[in-house]
């Protein structure tokens, strides 16, 4: 009896159809070096600004303006400069370590602005 059941079960596999994974959604945003930056994308905490990027949703991270891993800038810090033209969406932040200056993370490397 068990042998009969074992022979019947393999017949259900292909008859049930094949499962197909849904394709991942297409990126909603795309930026390449030299391209314009859409302000609705927000600011980016750490990117490699020498390569193209595709992503879903906002590009920025959840730091307030001028804040980074060290917290918000001190009240005596000068106002932030504009982001460099080659990194238009960079999240500029105050770095209290070392010289104490405005800059951003570029692929894990601190880059003064």
PDB file of N, CA and C in Angstrom:
ATOM      1  N   UNK A   1       0.820  -1.195   0.000  1.00  0.00           N
ATOM      2  CA  UNK A   1       0.000   0.000   0.000  1.00  0.00           C
ATOM      3  C   UNK A   1       0.865   1.260   0.000  1.00  0.00           C
ATOM      4  N   UNK A   2       1.899   1.269   0.821  1.00  0.00           N
ATOM      5  CA  UNK A   2       2.780   2.425   0.848  1.00  0.00           C
ATOM      6  C   UNK A   2       3.463   2.633  -0.492  1.00  0.00           C
ATOM      7  N   UNK A   3       3.799   1.554  -1.134  1.00  0.00           N
ATOM      8  CA  UNK A   3       4.462   1.684  -2.419  1.00  0.00           C
ATOM      9  C   UNK A   3       3.531   2.329  -3.442  1.00  0.00           C
ATOM     10  N   UNK A   4       2.264   1.991  -3.386  1.00  0.00           N
ATOM     11  CA  UNK A   4       1.303   2.586  -4.310  1.00  0.00           C
ATOM     12  C   UNK A   4       1.166   4.087  -4.082  1.00  0.00           C
ATOM     13  N   UNK A   5       1.191   4.515  -2.824  1.00  0.00           N
ATOM     14  CA  UNK A   5       1.103   5.954  -2.527  1.00  0.00           C
ATOM     15  C   UNK A   5       2.360   6.675  -2.990  1.00  0.00           C
ATOM     16  N   UNK A   6       3.489   6.012  -2.797  1.00  0.00           N
ATOM     17  CA  UNK A   6       4.742   6.634  -3.205  1.00  0.00           C
ATOM     18  C   UNK A   6       4.812   6.832  -4.707  1.00  0.00           C
ATOM     19  N   UNK A   7       4.235   5.946  -5.456  1.00  0.00           N
ATOM     20  CA  UNK A   7       4.240   6.083  -6.904  1.00  0.00           C
ATOM     21  C   UNK A   7       3.230   7.125  -7.377  1.00  0.00           C
ATOM     22  N   UNK A   8       2.178   7.324  -6.605  1.00  0.00           N
ATOM     23  CA  UNK A   8       1.153   8.277  -7.021  1.00  0.00           C
ATOM     24  C   UNK A   8       1.595   9.721  -6.766  1.00  0.00           C
ATOM     25  N   UNK A   9       2.345   9.975  -5.719  1.00  0.00           N
ATOM     26  CA  UNK A   9       2.729  11.338  -5.361  1.00  0.00           C
ATOM     27  C   UNK A   9       3.611  12.029  -6.398  1.00  0.00           C
ATOM     28  N   UNK A  10       4.578  11.344  -7.003  1.00  0.00           N
ATOM     29  CA  UNK A  10       5.385  12.054  -7.992  1.00  0.00           C
ATOM     30  C   UNK A  10       4.568  12.602  -9.158  1.00  0.00           C
ATOM     31  N   UNK A  11       3.428  12.029  -9.422  1.00  0.00           N
ATOM     32  CA  UNK A  11       2.593  12.517 -10.503  1.00  0.00           C
ATOM     33  C   UNK A  11       2.010  13.898 -10.228  1.00  0.00           C
ATOM     34  N   UNK A  12       1.907  14.299  -8.975  1.00  0.00           N
ATOM     35  CA  UNK A  12       1.336  15.606  -8.647  1.00  0.00           C
ATOM     36  C   UNK A  12       2.322  16.752  -8.863  1.00  0.00           C
ATOM     37  N   UNK A  13       3.613  16.488  -8.837  1.00  0.00           N
ATOM     38  CA  UNK A  13       4.618  17.552  -8.948  1.00  0.00           C
ATOM     39  C   UNK A  13       4.474  18.384 -10.210  1.00  0.00           C
ATOM     40  N   UNK A  14       4.750  17.839 -11.390  1.00  0.00           N
ATOM     41  CA  UNK A  14       4.671  18.635 -12.611  1.00  0.00           C
ATOM     42  C   UNK A  14       3.253  19.091 -12.936  1.00  0.00           C
ATOM     43  N   UNK A  15       2.242  18.304 -12.526  1.00  0.00           N
ATOM     44  CA  UNK A  15       0.868  18.684 -12.839  1.00  0.00           C
ATOM     45  C   UNK A  15       0.465  19.948 -12.086  1.00  0.00           C
ATOM     46  N   UNK A  16       1.095  20.229 -10.946  1.00  0.00           N
ATOM     47  CA  UNK A  16       0.753  21.403 -10.155  1.00  0.00           C
ATOM     48  C   UNK A  16       1.287  22.694 -10.756  1.00  0.00           C
ATOM     49  N   UNK A  17       2.140  22.634 -11.730  1.00  0.00           N
ATOM     50  CA  UNK A  17       2.713  23.834 -12.340  1.00  0.00           C
ATOM     51  C   UNK A  17       4.007  24.230 -11.656  1.00  0.00           C
ATOM     52  N   UNK A  18       4.781  25.045 -12.316  1.00  0.00           N
ATOM     53  CA  UNK A  18       6.049  25.505 -11.771  1.00  0.00           C
ATOM     54  C   UNK A  18       5.857  26.851 -11.087  1.00  0.00           C
ATOM     55  N   UNK A  19       6.535  27.027  -9.990  1.00  0.00           N
ATOM     56  CA  UNK A  19       6.483  28.309  -9.286  1.00  0.00           C
ATOM     57  C   UNK A  19       7.471  29.273  -9.933  1.00  0.00           C
ATOM     58  N   UNK A  20       7.056  30.500 -10.129  1.00  0.00           N
ATOM     59  CA  UNK A  20       7.918  31.522 -10.713  1.00  0.00           C
ATOM     60  C   UNK A  20       8.045  32.678  -9.733  1.00  0.00           C
ATOM     61  N   UNK A  21       9.251  33.113  -9.529  1.00  0.00           N
ATOM     62  CA  UNK A  21       9.473  34.268  -8.660  1.00  0.00           C
ATOM     63  C   UNK A  21       9.112  35.539  -9.419  1.00  0.00           C
ATOM     64  N   UNK A  22       8.525  36.478  -8.707  1.00  0.00           N
ATOM     65  CA  UNK A  22       8.204  37.765  -9.330  1.00  0.00           C
ATOM     66  C   UNK A  22       9.493  38.543  -9.546  1.00  0.00           C
ATOM     67  N   UNK A  23       9.623  39.231 -10.663  1.00  0.00           N
ATOM     68  CA  UNK A  23      10.847  40.022 -10.880  1.00  0.00           C
ATOM     69  C   UNK A  23      10.907  41.168  -9.874  1.00  0.00           C
ATOM     70  N   UNK A  24      12.105  41.579  -9.503  1.00  0.00           N
ATOM     71  CA  UNK A  24      12.209  42.704  -8.569  1.00  0.00           C
ATOM     72  C   UNK A  24      11.674  43.970  -9.229  1.00  0.00           C
ATOM     73  N   UNK A  25      11.147  44.894  -8.422  1.00  0.00           N
ATOM     74  CA  UNK A  25      10.647  46.130  -9.028  1.00  0.00           C
ATOM     75  C   UNK A  25      11.775  46.940  -9.659  1.00  0.00           C
ATOM     76  N   UNK A  26      11.445  47.638 -10.709  1.00  0.00           N
ATOM     77  CA  UNK A  26      12.443  48.487 -11.378  1.00  0.00           C
ATOM     78  C   UNK A  26      12.819  49.645 -10.460  1.00  0.00           C
ATOM     79  N   UNK A  27      14.061  50.123 -10.542  1.00  0.00           N
ATOM     80  CA  UNK A  27      14.449  51.262  -9.704  1.00  0.00           C
ATOM     81  C   UNK A  27      13.584  52.479 -10.026  1.00  0.00           C
ATOM     82  N   UNK A  28      13.246  53.227  -8.997  1.00  0.00           N
ATOM     83  CA  UNK A  28      12.445  54.433  -9.205  1.00  0.00           C
ATOM     84  C   UNK A  28      13.326  55.649  -9.432  1.00  0.00           C
ATOM     85  N   UNK A  29      14.593  55.554  -9.070  1.00  0.00           N
ATOM     86  CA  UNK A  29      15.491  56.700  -9.202  1.00  0.00           C
ATOM     87  C   UNK A  29      16.837  56.251  -9.754  1.00  0.00           C
ATOM     88  N   UNK A  30      17.459  57.143 -10.524  1.00  0.00           N
ATOM     89  CA  UNK A  30      18.751  56.836 -11.145  1.00  0.00           C
ATOM     90  C   UNK A  30      19.564  58.126 -11.205  1.00  0.00           C
ATOM     91  N   UNK A  31      20.823  58.046 -10.815  1.00  0.00           N
ATOM     92  CA  UNK A  31      21.737  59.185 -10.894  1.00  0.00           C
ATOM     93  C   UNK A  31      23.099  58.685 -11.337  1.00  0.00           C
ATOM     94  N   UNK A  32      23.763  59.449 -12.213  1.00  0.00           N
ATOM     95  CA  UNK A  32      25.136  59.175 -12.641  1.00  0.00           C
ATOM     96  C   UNK A  32      25.958  60.447 -12.491  1.00  0.00           C
ATOM     97  N   UNK A  33      27.294  60.312 -12.330  1.00  0.00           N
ATOM     98  CA  UNK A  33      28.138  61.503 -12.239  1.00  0.00           C
ATOM     99  C   UNK A  33      27.884  62.443 -13.418  1.00  0.00           C
ATOM    100  N   UNK A  34      27.761  63.715 -13.114  1.00  0.00           N
ATOM    101  CA  UNK A  34      27.477  64.713 -14.131  1.00  0.00           C
ATOM    102  C   UNK A  34      25.999  64.959 -14.339  1.00  0.00           C
ATOM    103  N   UNK A  35      25.162  64.077 -13.786  1.00  0.00           N
ATOM    104  CA  UNK A  35      23.718  64.243 -13.916  1.00  0.00           C
ATOM    105  C   UNK A  35      23.181  65.234 -12.900  1.00  0.00           C
ATOM    106  N   UNK A  36      21.982  65.738 -13.163  1.00  0.00           N
ATOM    107  CA  UNK A  36      21.384  66.676 -12.211  1.00  0.00           C
ATOM    108  C   UNK A  36      20.803  65.902 -11.027  1.00  0.00           C
ATOM    109  N   UNK A  37      20.710  66.580  -9.895  1.00  0.00           N
ATOM    110  CA  UNK A  37      20.206  65.978  -8.662  1.00  0.00           C
ATOM    111  C   UNK A  37      18.804  66.493  -8.395  1.00  0.00           C
ATOM    112  N   UNK A  38      17.856  65.587  -8.234  1.00  0.00           N
ATOM    113  CA  UNK A  38      16.478  65.960  -7.922  1.00  0.00           C
ATOM    114  C   UNK A  38      16.381  66.219  -6.421  1.00  0.00           C
ATOM    115  N   UNK A  39      16.044  67.432  -5.981  1.00  0.00           N
ATOM    116  CA  UNK A  39      15.979  67.721  -4.546  1.00  0.00           C
ATOM    117  C   UNK A  39      15.020  66.812  -3.779  1.00  0.00           C
ATOM    118  N   UNK A  40      14.025  66.237  -4.448  1.00  0.00           N
ATOM    119  CA  UNK A  40      13.095  65.344  -3.748  1.00  0.00           C
ATOM    120  C   UNK A  40      13.773  64.051  -3.300  1.00  0.00           C
ATOM    121  N   UNK A  41      14.950  63.753  -3.833  1.00  0.00           N
ATOM    122  CA  UNK A  41      15.681  62.553  -3.422  1.00  0.00           C
ATOM    123  C   UNK A  41      16.277  62.702  -2.034  1.00  0.00           C
ATOM    124  N   UNK A  42      16.374  63.915  -1.531  1.00  0.00           N
ATOM    125  CA  UNK A  42      16.999  64.126  -0.229  1.00  0.00           C
ATOM    126  C   UNK A  42      18.515  64.181  -0.362  1.00  0.00           C
ATOM    127  N   UNK A  43      19.192  64.090   0.755  1.00  0.00           N
ATOM    128  CA  UNK A  43      20.653  64.115   0.781  1.00  0.00           C
ATOM    129  C   UNK A  43      21.172  62.719   1.107  1.00  0.00           C
ATOM    130  N   UNK A  44      22.360  62.414   0.655  1.00  0.00           N
ATOM    131  CA  UNK A  44      22.930  61.082   0.820  1.00  0.00           C
ATOM    132  C   UNK A  44      24.081  61.132   1.808  1.00  0.00           C
ATOM    133  N   UNK A  45      24.055  60.232   2.778  1.00  0.00           N
ATOM    134  CA  UNK A  45      25.056  60.193   3.832  1.00  0.00           C
ATOM    135  C   UNK A  45      26.400  59.658   3.344  1.00  0.00           C
ATOM    136  N   UNK A  46      26.420  58.578   2.588  1.00  0.00           N
ATOM    137  CA  UNK A  46      27.683  57.992   2.122  1.00  0.00           C
ATOM    138  C   UNK A  46      27.461  57.266   0.800  1.00  0.00           C
ATOM    139  N   UNK A  47      28.030  57.790  -0.263  1.00  0.00           N
ATOM    140  CA  UNK A  47      27.955  57.181  -1.586  1.00  0.00           C
ATOM    141  C   UNK A  47      29.318  57.227  -2.223  1.00  0.00           C
ATOM    142  N   UNK A  48      29.502  56.434  -3.252  1.00  0.00           N
ATOM    143  CA  UNK A  48      30.669  56.562  -4.113  1.00  0.00           C
ATOM    144  C   UNK A  48      30.220  57.460  -5.259  1.00  0.00           C
ATOM    145  N   UNK A  49      30.625  58.717  -5.211  1.00  0.00           N
ATOM    146  CA  UNK A  49      30.152  59.714  -6.165  1.00  0.00           C
ATOM    147  C   UNK A  49      30.808  59.570  -7.537  1.00  0.00           C
ATOM    148  N   UNK A  50      31.609  58.532  -7.750  1.00  0.00           N
ATOM    149  CA  UNK A  50      32.236  58.310  -9.055  1.00  0.00           C
ATOM    150  C   UNK A  50      31.493  57.264  -9.876  1.00  0.00           C
ATOM    151  N   UNK A  51      30.368  56.733  -9.354  1.00  0.00           N
ATOM    152  CA  UNK A  51      29.634  55.668 -10.038  1.00  0.00           C
ATOM    153  C   UNK A  51      28.147  55.987 -10.087  1.00  0.00           C
ATOM    154  N   UNK A  52      27.452  55.376 -11.032  1.00  0.00           N
ATOM    155  CA  UNK A  52      26.002  55.522 -11.142  1.00  0.00           C
ATOM    156  C   UNK A  52      25.314  54.768 -10.007  1.00  0.00           C
ATOM    157  N   UNK A  53      24.112  55.222  -9.661  1.00  0.00           N
ATOM    158  CA  UNK A  53      23.326  54.586  -8.602  1.00  0.00           C
ATOM    159  C   UNK A  53      21.874  54.473  -9.053  1.00  0.00           C
ATOM    160  N   UNK A  54      21.260  53.331  -8.754  1.00  0.00           N
ATOM    161  CA  UNK A  54      19.832  53.093  -8.930  1.00  0.00           C
ATOM    162  C   UNK A  54      19.282  52.732  -7.564  1.00  0.00           C
ATOM    163  N   UNK A  55      18.094  53.223  -7.217  1.00  0.00           N
ATOM    164  CA  UNK A  55      17.541  52.913  -5.905  1.00  0.00           C
ATOM    165  C   UNK A  55      16.036  53.086  -5.916  1.00  0.00           C
ATOM    166  N   UNK A  56      15.405  52.548  -4.872  1.00  0.00           N
ATOM    167  CA  UNK A  56      13.972  52.678  -4.634  1.00  0.00           C
ATOM    168  C   UNK A  56      13.759  53.712  -3.545  1.00  0.00           C
ATOM    169  N   UNK A  57      12.800  54.571  -3.668  1.00  0.00           N
ATOM    170  CA  UNK A  57      12.468  55.520  -2.613  1.00  0.00           C
ATOM    171  C   UNK A  57      13.503  56.611  -2.475  1.00  0.00           C
ATOM    172  N   UNK A  58      13.469  57.324  -1.341  1.00  0.00           N
ATOM    173  CA  UNK A  58      14.416  58.427  -1.152  1.00  0.00           C
ATOM    174  C   UNK A  58      15.846  57.924  -1.017  1.00  0.00           C
ATOM    175  N   UNK A  59      16.783  58.713  -1.490  1.00  0.00           N
ATOM    176  CA  UNK A  59      18.191  58.322  -1.432  1.00  0.00           C
ATOM    177  C   UNK A  59      18.818  58.663  -0.099  1.00  0.00           C
ATOM    178  N   UNK A  60      18.301  59.649   0.573  1.00  0.00           N
ATOM    179  CA  UNK A  60      18.935  60.154   1.787  1.00  0.00           C
ATOM    180  C   UNK A  60      18.749  59.270   3.004  1.00  0.00           C
ATOM    181  N   UNK A  61      19.540  59.532   4.010  1.00  0.00           N
ATOM    182  CA  UNK A  61      19.404  58.860   5.290  1.00  0.00           C
ATOM    183  C   UNK A  61      18.686  59.794   6.256  1.00  0.00           C
ATOM    184  N   UNK A  62      18.424  59.328   7.449  1.00  0.00           N
ATOM    185  CA  UNK A  62      17.563  60.070   8.364  1.00  0.00           C
ATOM    186  C   UNK A  62      18.320  60.969   9.335  1.00  0.00           C
ATOM    187  N   UNK A  63      19.378  61.618   8.905  1.00  0.00           N
ATOM    188  CA  UNK A  63      20.058  62.596   9.759  1.00  0.00           C
ATOM    189  C   UNK A  63      19.457  63.971   9.506  1.00  0.00           C
ATOM    190  N   UNK A  64      19.280  64.791  10.546  1.00  0.00           N
ATOM    191  CA  UNK A  64      18.836  66.167  10.298  1.00  0.00           C
ATOM    192  C   UNK A  64      19.905  66.930   9.514  1.00  0.00           C
ATOM    193  N   UNK A  65      19.534  68.038   8.924  1.00  0.00           N
ATOM    194  CA  UNK A  65      20.479  68.836   8.138  1.00  0.00           C
ATOM    195  C   UNK A  65      21.697  69.198   8.963  1.00  0.00           C
ATOM    196  N   UNK A  66      22.869  68.935   8.411  1.00  0.00           N
ATOM    197  CA  UNK A  66      24.127  69.267   9.074  1.00  0.00           C
ATOM    198  C   UNK A  66      24.595  68.261  10.095  1.00  0.00           C
ATOM    199  N   UNK A  67      23.763  67.293  10.450  1.00  0.00           N
ATOM    200  CA  UNK A  67      24.143  66.305  11.459  1.00  0.00           C
ATOM    201  C   UNK A  67      24.738  65.076  10.790  1.00  0.00           C
ATOM    202  N   UNK A  68      25.566  64.392  11.519  1.00  0.00           N
ATOM    203  CA  UNK A  68      26.164  63.156  11.050  1.00  0.00           C
ATOM    204  C   UNK A  68      26.298  62.209  12.220  1.00  0.00           C
ATOM    205  N   UNK A  69      27.223  61.274  12.160  1.00  0.00           N
ATOM    206  CA  UNK A  69      27.374  60.319  13.254  1.00  0.00           C
ATOM    207  C   UNK A  69      27.792  60.975  14.563  1.00  0.00           C
ATOM    208  N   UNK A  70      28.276  62.213  14.506  1.00  0.00           N
ATOM    209  CA  UNK A  70      28.703  62.909  15.724  1.00  0.00           C
ATOM    210  C   UNK A  70      27.590  63.746  16.320  1.00  0.00           C
ATOM    211  N   UNK A  71      26.447  63.796  15.679  1.00  0.00           N
ATOM    212  CA  UNK A  71      25.344  64.619  16.153  1.00  0.00           C
ATOM    213  C   UNK A  71      25.256  65.916  15.369  1.00  0.00           C
ATOM    214  N   UNK A  72      24.421  66.842  15.832  1.00  0.00           N
ATOM    215  CA  UNK A  72      24.263  68.103  15.101  1.00  0.00           C
ATOM    216  C   UNK A  72      25.499  68.979  15.229  1.00  0.00           C
ATOM    217  N   UNK A  73      25.674  69.921  14.310  1.00  0.00           N
ATOM    218  CA  UNK A  73      26.836  70.819  14.397  1.00  0.00           C
ATOM    219  C   UNK A  73      26.697  71.747  15.607  1.00  0.00           C
ATOM    220  N   UNK A  74      27.814  72.205  16.167  1.00  0.00           N
ATOM    221  CA  UNK A  74      27.729  73.140  17.290  1.00  0.00           C
ATOM    222  C   UNK A  74      27.189  74.494  16.819  1.00  0.00           C
ATOM    223  N   UNK A  75      26.668  75.265  17.748  1.00  0.00           N
ATOM    224  CA  UNK A  75      26.079  76.557  17.380  1.00  0.00           C
ATOM    225  C   UNK A  75      27.125  77.509  16.814  1.00  0.00           C
ATOM    226  N   UNK A  76      28.384  77.339  17.176  1.00  0.00           N
ATOM    227  CA  UNK A  76      29.436  78.239  16.704  1.00  0.00           C
ATOM    228  C   UNK A  76      30.020  77.827  15.354  1.00  0.00           C
ATOM    229  N   UNK A  77      29.587  76.693  14.804  1.00  0.00           N
ATOM    230  CA  UNK A  77      30.113  76.244  13.503  1.00  0.00           C
ATOM    231  C   UNK A  77      29.649  77.198  12.406  1.00  0.00           C
ATOM    232  N   UNK A  78      30.496  77.471  11.427  1.00  0.00           N
ATOM    233  CA  UNK A  78      30.055  78.316  10.310  1.00  0.00           C
ATOM    234  C   UNK A  78      28.960  77.596   9.523  1.00  0.00           C
ATOM    235  N   UNK A  79      28.173  78.319   8.747  1.00  0.00           N
ATOM    236  CA  UNK A  79      27.144  77.649   7.941  1.00  0.00           C
ATOM    237  C   UNK A  79      27.789  76.700   6.930  1.00  0.00           C
ATOM    238  N   UNK A  80      27.085  75.640   6.568  1.00  0.00           N
ATOM    239  CA  UNK A  80      27.677  74.684   5.624  1.00  0.00           C
ATOM    240  C   UNK A  80      27.833  75.291   4.235  1.00  0.00           C
ATOM    241  N   UNK A  81      28.903  74.926   3.540  1.00  0.00           N
ATOM    242  CA  UNK A  81      29.058  75.366   2.146  1.00  0.00           C
ATOM    243  C   UNK A  81      28.139  74.531   1.255  1.00  0.00           C
ATOM    244  N   UNK A  82      27.968  74.916   0.010  1.00  0.00           N
ATOM    245  CA  UNK A  82      27.178  74.072  -0.894  1.00  0.00           C
ATOM    246  C   UNK A  82      27.929  72.776  -1.198  1.00  0.00           C
ATOM    247  N   UNK A  83      27.175  71.762  -1.566  1.00  0.00           N
ATOM    248  CA  UNK A  83      27.799  70.493  -1.962  1.00  0.00           C
ATOM    249  C   UNK A  83      28.611  70.723  -3.231  1.00  0.00           C
ATOM    250  N   UNK A  84      29.714  69.989  -3.414  1.00  0.00           N
ATOM    251  CA  UNK A  84      30.502  70.168  -4.638  1.00  0.00           C
ATOM    252  C   UNK A  84      29.698  69.736  -5.863  1.00  0.00           C
ATOM    253  N   UNK A  85      29.990  70.311  -7.028  1.00  0.00           N
ATOM    254  CA  UNK A  85      29.217  69.975  -8.225  1.00  0.00           C
ATOM    255  C   UNK A  85      29.312  68.501  -8.617  1.00  0.00           C
ATOM    256  N   UNK A  86      30.397  67.832  -8.269  1.00  0.00           N
ATOM    257  CA  UNK A  86      30.540  66.417  -8.634  1.00  0.00           C
ATOM    258  C   UNK A  86      29.840  65.497  -7.640  1.00  0.00           C
ATOM    259  N   UNK A  87      29.302  66.024  -6.524  1.00  0.00           N
ATOM    260  CA  UNK A  87      28.541  65.242  -5.544  1.00  0.00           C
ATOM    261  C   UNK A  87      27.334  66.073  -5.108  1.00  0.00           C
ATOM    262  N   UNK A  88      26.404  66.359  -6.038  1.00  0.00           N
ATOM    263  CA  UNK A  88      25.343  67.325  -5.749  1.00  0.00           C
ATOM    264  C   UNK A  88      24.392  66.925  -4.637  1.00  0.00           C
ATOM    265  N   UNK A  89      24.262  65.655  -4.336  1.00  0.00           N
ATOM    266  CA  UNK A  89      23.336  65.224  -3.289  1.00  0.00           C
ATOM    267  C   UNK A  89      24.018  64.843  -2.001  1.00  0.00           C
ATOM    268  N   UNK A  90      25.269  65.238  -1.818  1.00  0.00           N
ATOM    269  CA  UNK A  90      26.019  64.851  -0.619  1.00  0.00           C
ATOM    270  C   UNK A  90      25.415  65.489   0.627  1.00  0.00           C
ATOM    271  N   UNK A  91      25.293  64.719   1.689  1.00  0.00           N
ATOM    272  CA  UNK A  91      24.823  65.205   2.985  1.00  0.00           C
ATOM    273  C   UNK A  91      26.013  65.830   3.698  1.00  0.00           C
ATOM    274  N   UNK A  92      26.141  67.161   3.619  1.00  0.00           N
ATOM    275  CA  UNK A  92      27.240  67.832   4.307  1.00  0.00           C
ATOM    276  C   UNK A  92      26.988  67.791   5.803  1.00  0.00           C
ATOM    277  N   UNK A  93      28.042  67.532   6.561  1.00  0.00           N
ATOM    278  CA  UNK A  93      27.920  67.454   8.017  1.00  0.00           C
ATOM    279  C   UNK A  93      29.166  68.026   8.659  1.00  0.00           C
ATOM    280  N   UNK A  94      29.024  68.459   9.887  1.00  0.00           N
ATOM    281  CA  UNK A  94      30.135  69.008  10.652  1.00  0.00           C
ATOM    282  C   UNK A  94      30.909  67.864  11.276  1.00  0.00           C
ATOM    283  N   UNK A  95      32.218  67.856  11.077  1.00  0.00           N
ATOM    284  CA  UNK A  95      33.088  66.827  11.651  1.00  0.00           C
ATOM    285  C   UNK A  95      33.904  67.476  12.763  1.00  0.00           C
ATOM    286  N   UNK A  96      33.598  67.179  14.035  1.00  0.00           N
ATOM    287  CA  UNK A  96      34.327  67.813  15.131  1.00  0.00           C
ATOM    288  C   UNK A  96      35.703  67.212  15.373  1.00  0.00           C
ATOM    289  N   UNK A  97      36.025  66.108  14.713  1.00  0.00           N
ATOM    290  CA  UNK A  97      37.327  65.480  14.923  1.00  0.00           C
ATOM    291  C   UNK A  97      38.371  66.162  14.051  1.00  0.00           C
ATOM    292  N   UNK A  98      39.597  66.107  14.442  1.00  0.00           N
ATOM    293  CA  UNK A  98      40.668  66.692  13.628  1.00  0.00           C
ATOM    294  C   UNK A  98      40.535  68.192  13.506  1.00  0.00           C
ATOM    295  N   UNK A  99      40.463  68.678  12.278  1.00  0.00           N
ATOM    296  CA  UNK A  99      40.421  70.123  12.024  1.00  0.00           C
ATOM    297  C   UNK A  99      39.059  70.727  12.336  1.00  0.00           C
ATOM    298  N   UNK A 100      38.024  69.929  12.459  1.00  0.00           N
ATOM    299  CA  UNK A 100      36.681  70.451  12.667  1.00  0.00           C
ATOM    300  C   UNK A 100      36.230  71.208  11.436  1.00  0.00           C
ATOM    301  N   UNK A 101      35.604  70.518  10.506  1.00  0.00           N
ATOM    302  CA  UNK A 101      35.222  71.154   9.254  1.00  0.00           C
ATOM    303  C   UNK A 101      33.967  70.520   8.680  1.00  0.00           C
ATOM    304  N   UNK A 102      33.395  71.176   7.678  1.00  0.00           N
ATOM    305  CA  UNK A 102      32.265  70.632   6.942  1.00  0.00           C
ATOM    306  C   UNK A 102      32.792  69.693   5.868  1.00  0.00           C
ATOM    307  N   UNK A 103      32.063  68.628   5.628  1.00  0.00           N
ATOM    308  CA  UNK A 103      32.443  67.676   4.603  1.00  0.00           C
ATOM    309  C   UNK A 103      31.370  66.613   4.464  1.00  0.00           C
ATOM    310  N   UNK A 104      31.719  65.516   3.825  1.00  0.00           N
ATOM    311  CA  UNK A 104      30.776  64.418   3.616  1.00  0.00           C
ATOM    312  C   UNK A 104      31.561  63.129   3.422  1.00  0.00           C
ATOM    313  N   UNK A 105      30.856  62.012   3.523  1.00  0.00           N
ATOM    314  CA  UNK A 105      31.466  60.702   3.296  1.00  0.00           C
ATOM    315  C   UNK A 105      31.358  60.366   1.819  1.00  0.00           C
ATOM    316  N   UNK A 106      32.469  60.019   1.216  1.00  0.00           N
ATOM    317  CA  UNK A 106      32.529  59.621  -0.185  1.00  0.00           C
ATOM    318  C   UNK A 106      33.054  58.197  -0.232  1.00  0.00           C
ATOM    319  N   UNK A 107      32.115  57.235  -0.272  1.00  0.00           N
ATOM    320  CA  UNK A 107      32.480  55.820  -0.309  1.00  0.00           C
ATOM    321  C   UNK A 107      33.341  55.443   0.894  1.00  0.00           C
ATOM    322  N   UNK A 108      32.950  55.936   2.075  1.00  0.00           N
ATOM    323  CA  UNK A 108      33.658  55.594   3.305  1.00  0.00           C
ATOM    324  C   UNK A 108      34.864  56.459   3.603  1.00  0.00           C
ATOM    325  N   UNK A 109      35.153  57.448   2.773  1.00  0.00           N
ATOM    326  CA  UNK A 109      36.313  58.328   2.979  1.00  0.00           C
ATOM    327  C   UNK A 109      35.804  59.733   3.288  1.00  0.00           C
ATOM    328  N   UNK A 110      36.261  60.307   4.418  1.00  0.00           N
ATOM    329  CA  UNK A 110      35.860  61.661   4.767  1.00  0.00           C
ATOM    330  C   UNK A 110      36.444  62.641   3.753  1.00  0.00           C
ATOM    331  N   UNK A 111      35.585  63.474   3.178  1.00  0.00           N
ATOM    332  CA  UNK A 111      35.996  64.434   2.160  1.00  0.00           C
ATOM    333  C   UNK A 111      35.602  65.830   2.621  1.00  0.00           C
ATOM    334  N   UNK A 112      36.571  66.677   3.005  1.00  0.00           N
ATOM    335  CA  UNK A 112      36.220  68.047   3.406  1.00  0.00           C
ATOM    336  C   UNK A 112      35.579  68.803   2.237  1.00  0.00           C
ATOM    337  N   UNK A 113      34.616  69.643   2.567  1.00  0.00           N
ATOM    338  CA  UNK A 113      33.930  70.421   1.515  1.00  0.00           C
ATOM    339  C   UNK A 113      34.619  71.755   1.316  1.00  0.00           C
TER     340      UNK A 113
END
